[in-house]
Amino acid sequence: MSEPAAALYAVVSGDRLKLLMERTGTGDGVTSRELAEAAGVAHGTIGALMSGAQRVVPEHKAKAIAARLGVDLLVLFIPMERAGRTLVPAQQVVA
């Protein structure tokens, strides 16, 4: 049996990510490099999420980013499900 594919999460918006980085849950700001290091992701990933060049990350990365920012996962990310080759928000999937 193959393992299920990792759950994917799409960032709500690069602007929201930038805003949350300016004022984290503790009230302090965090740079993209600091966020990347604390969340254990590549610095380029944070930059790509902010610019919109990348929208989707695996669940473990989304959770790590949200945790470092001190916010609930769903404040910053939308759970995604695969529908063929297209990623659609999970709440919009029709059975």
C-alpha atoms as a PDB file:
ATOM      1  CA  MET A   1       0.000   0.000   0.000  1.00  0.00           C
ATOM      2  CA  SER A   2       1.223   3.456  -0.791  1.00  0.00           C
ATOM      3  CA  GLU A   3       1.183   6.213   1.779  1.00  0.00           C
ATOM      4  CA  PRO A   4      -1.423   8.924   1.336  1.00  0.00           C
ATOM      5  CA  ALA A   5      -0.159  12.146  -0.198  1.00  0.00           C
ATOM      6  CA  ALA A   6       0.721  14.864   2.297  1.00  0.00           C
ATOM      7  CA  ALA A   7      -2.045  17.372   2.914  1.00  0.00           C
ATOM      8  CA  LEU A   8      -1.419  20.694   1.203  1.00  0.00           C
ATOM      9  CA  TYR A   9      -2.286  24.183   2.391  1.00  0.00           C
ATOM     10  CA  ALA A  10      -2.549  27.377   0.341  1.00  0.00           C
ATOM     11  CA  VAL A  11      -1.602  30.719   1.839  1.00  0.00           C
ATOM     12  CA  VAL A  12      -4.641  33.013   2.064  1.00  0.00           C
ATOM     13  CA  SER A  13      -2.616  35.926   0.683  1.00  0.00           C
ATOM     14  CA  GLY A  14       0.923  37.202   0.589  1.00  0.00           C
ATOM     15  CA  ASP A  15      -0.313  40.451   2.117  1.00  0.00           C
ATOM     16  CA  ARG A  16      -1.743  38.631   5.127  1.00  0.00           C
ATOM     17  CA  LEU A  17       1.548  36.810   5.588  1.00  0.00           C
ATOM     18  CA  LYS A  18       3.433  40.126   5.470  1.00  0.00           C
ATOM     19  CA  LEU A  19       1.016  41.676   7.972  1.00  0.00           C
ATOM     20  CA  LEU A  20       1.373  38.763  10.384  1.00  0.00           C
ATOM     21  CA  MET A  21       5.152  38.971  10.072  1.00  0.00           C
ATOM     22  CA  GLU A  22       5.049  42.653  11.037  1.00  0.00           C
ATOM     23  CA  ARG A  23       3.140  41.847  14.200  1.00  0.00           C
ATOM     24  CA  THR A  24       3.270  38.226  15.340  1.00  0.00           C
ATOM     25  CA  GLY A  25       1.146  36.751  18.115  1.00  0.00           C
ATOM     26  CA  THR A  26       3.674  38.096  20.629  1.00  0.00           C
ATOM     27  CA  GLY A  27       3.501  41.593  19.125  1.00  0.00           C
ATOM     28  CA  ASP A  28       7.050  41.447  17.770  1.00  0.00           C
ATOM     29  CA  GLY A  29       7.978  41.518  14.111  1.00  0.00           C
ATOM     30  CA  VAL A  30       9.890  38.785  12.338  1.00  0.00           C
ATOM     31  CA  THR A  31      11.937  38.961   9.131  1.00  0.00           C
ATOM     32  CA  SER A  32      11.508  36.458   6.331  1.00  0.00           C
ATOM     33  CA  ARG A  33      14.890  34.930   7.201  1.00  0.00           C
ATOM     34  CA  GLU A  34      13.977  34.618  10.883  1.00  0.00           C
ATOM     35  CA  LEU A  35      10.627  33.071   9.998  1.00  0.00           C
ATOM     36  CA  ALA A  36      12.214  30.612   7.590  1.00  0.00           C
ATOM     37  CA  GLU A  37      14.821  29.540  10.132  1.00  0.00           C
ATOM     38  CA  ALA A  38      12.333  29.190  12.987  1.00  0.00           C
ATOM     39  CA  ALA A  39       9.843  27.268  10.843  1.00  0.00           C
ATOM     40  CA  GLY A  40      12.509  25.058   9.268  1.00  0.00           C
ATOM     41  CA  VAL A  41      11.707  26.077   5.699  1.00  0.00           C
ATOM     42  CA  ALA A  42      13.810  27.597   2.941  1.00  0.00           C
ATOM     43  CA  HIS A  43      14.082  31.373   2.924  1.00  0.00           C
ATOM     44  CA  GLY A  44      12.979  31.290  -0.707  1.00  0.00           C
ATOM     45  CA  THR A  45       9.740  29.587   0.288  1.00  0.00           C
ATOM     46  CA  ILE A  46       8.779  32.493   2.540  1.00  0.00           C
ATOM     47  CA  GLY A  47       9.651  35.006  -0.179  1.00  0.00           C
ATOM     48  CA  ALA A  48       7.661  33.063  -2.768  1.00  0.00           C
ATOM     49  CA  LEU A  49       4.625  32.875  -0.461  1.00  0.00           C
ATOM     50  CA  MET A  50       4.799  36.632   0.146  1.00  0.00           C
ATOM     51  CA  SER A  51       5.119  37.475  -3.558  1.00  0.00           C
ATOM     52  CA  GLY A  52       2.498  35.019  -4.759  1.00  0.00           C
ATOM     53  CA  ALA A  53       5.009  33.028  -6.815  1.00  0.00           C
ATOM     54  CA  GLN A  54       4.130  30.041  -4.605  1.00  0.00           C
ATOM     55  CA  ARG A  55       0.743  29.485  -2.967  1.00  0.00           C
ATOM     56  CA  VAL A  56       0.860  25.929  -1.654  1.00  0.00           C
ATOM     57  CA  VAL A  57       3.023  24.209   0.966  1.00  0.00           C
ATOM     58  CA  PRO A  58       2.806  20.830   2.702  1.00  0.00           C
ATOM     59  CA  GLU A  59       0.898  20.698   5.976  1.00  0.00           C
ATOM     60  CA  HIS A  60       4.003  20.442   8.186  1.00  0.00           C
ATOM     61  CA  LYS A  61       5.453  23.630   6.690  1.00  0.00           C
ATOM     62  CA  ALA A  62       2.154  25.508   6.989  1.00  0.00           C
ATOM     63  CA  LYS A  63       1.860  24.477  10.644  1.00  0.00           C
ATOM     64  CA  ALA A  64       5.446  25.500  11.386  1.00  0.00           C
ATOM     65  CA  ILE A  65       4.991  28.926   9.773  1.00  0.00           C
ATOM     66  CA  ALA A  66       1.705  29.573  11.585  1.00  0.00           C
ATOM     67  CA  ALA A  67       3.183  28.397  14.896  1.00  0.00           C
ATOM     68  CA  ARG A  68       6.154  30.770  14.597  1.00  0.00           C
ATOM     69  CA  LEU A  69       3.804  33.639  13.805  1.00  0.00           C
ATOM     70  CA  GLY A  70       1.669  32.712  16.818  1.00  0.00           C
ATOM     71  CA  VAL A  71      -1.563  32.330  14.855  1.00  0.00           C
ATOM     72  CA  ASP A  72      -4.005  29.524  14.201  1.00  0.00           C
ATOM     73  CA  LEU A  73      -3.215  27.576  11.027  1.00  0.00           C
ATOM     74  CA  LEU A  74      -6.504  28.602   9.388  1.00  0.00           C
ATOM     75  CA  VAL A  75      -5.816  32.310   9.900  1.00  0.00           C
ATOM     76  CA  LEU A  76      -3.091  32.094   7.267  1.00  0.00           C
ATOM     77  CA  PHE A  77      -3.728  28.918   5.262  1.00  0.00           C
ATOM     78  CA  ILE A  78      -6.603  27.169   3.471  1.00  0.00           C
ATOM     79  CA  PRO A  79      -6.595  23.349   3.390  1.00  0.00           C
ATOM     80  CA  MET A  80      -6.443  22.013  -0.165  1.00  0.00           C
ATOM     81  CA  GLU A  81      -7.540  18.741  -1.732  1.00  0.00           C
ATOM     82  CA  ARG A  82      -6.516  17.259  -5.031  1.00  0.00           C
ATOM     83  CA  ALA A  83      -9.170  17.072  -7.712  1.00  0.00           C
ATOM     84  CA  GLY A  84      -7.388  15.386 -10.570  1.00  0.00           C
ATOM     85  CA  ARG A  85      -4.442  17.660 -11.241  1.00  0.00           C
ATOM     86  CA  THR A  86      -6.083  20.818  -9.945  1.00  0.00           C
ATOM     87  CA  LEU A  87      -5.855  21.982  -6.368  1.00  0.00           C
ATOM     88  CA  VAL A  88      -9.103  23.350  -5.013  1.00  0.00           C
ATOM     89  CA  PRO A  89      -9.954  24.632  -1.528  1.00  0.00           C
ATOM     90  CA  ALA A  90     -11.236  21.712   0.538  1.00  0.00           C
ATOM     91  CA  GLN A  91     -14.419  23.512   1.568  1.00  0.00           C
ATOM     92  CA  GLN A  92     -15.389  23.927  -2.103  1.00  0.00           C
ATOM     93  CA  VAL A  93     -15.086  20.242  -3.024  1.00  0.00           C
ATOM     94  CA  VAL A  94     -18.444  18.800  -4.098  1.00  0.00           C
ATOM     95  CA  ALA A  95     -18.961  15.076  -3.704  1.00  0.00           C
END
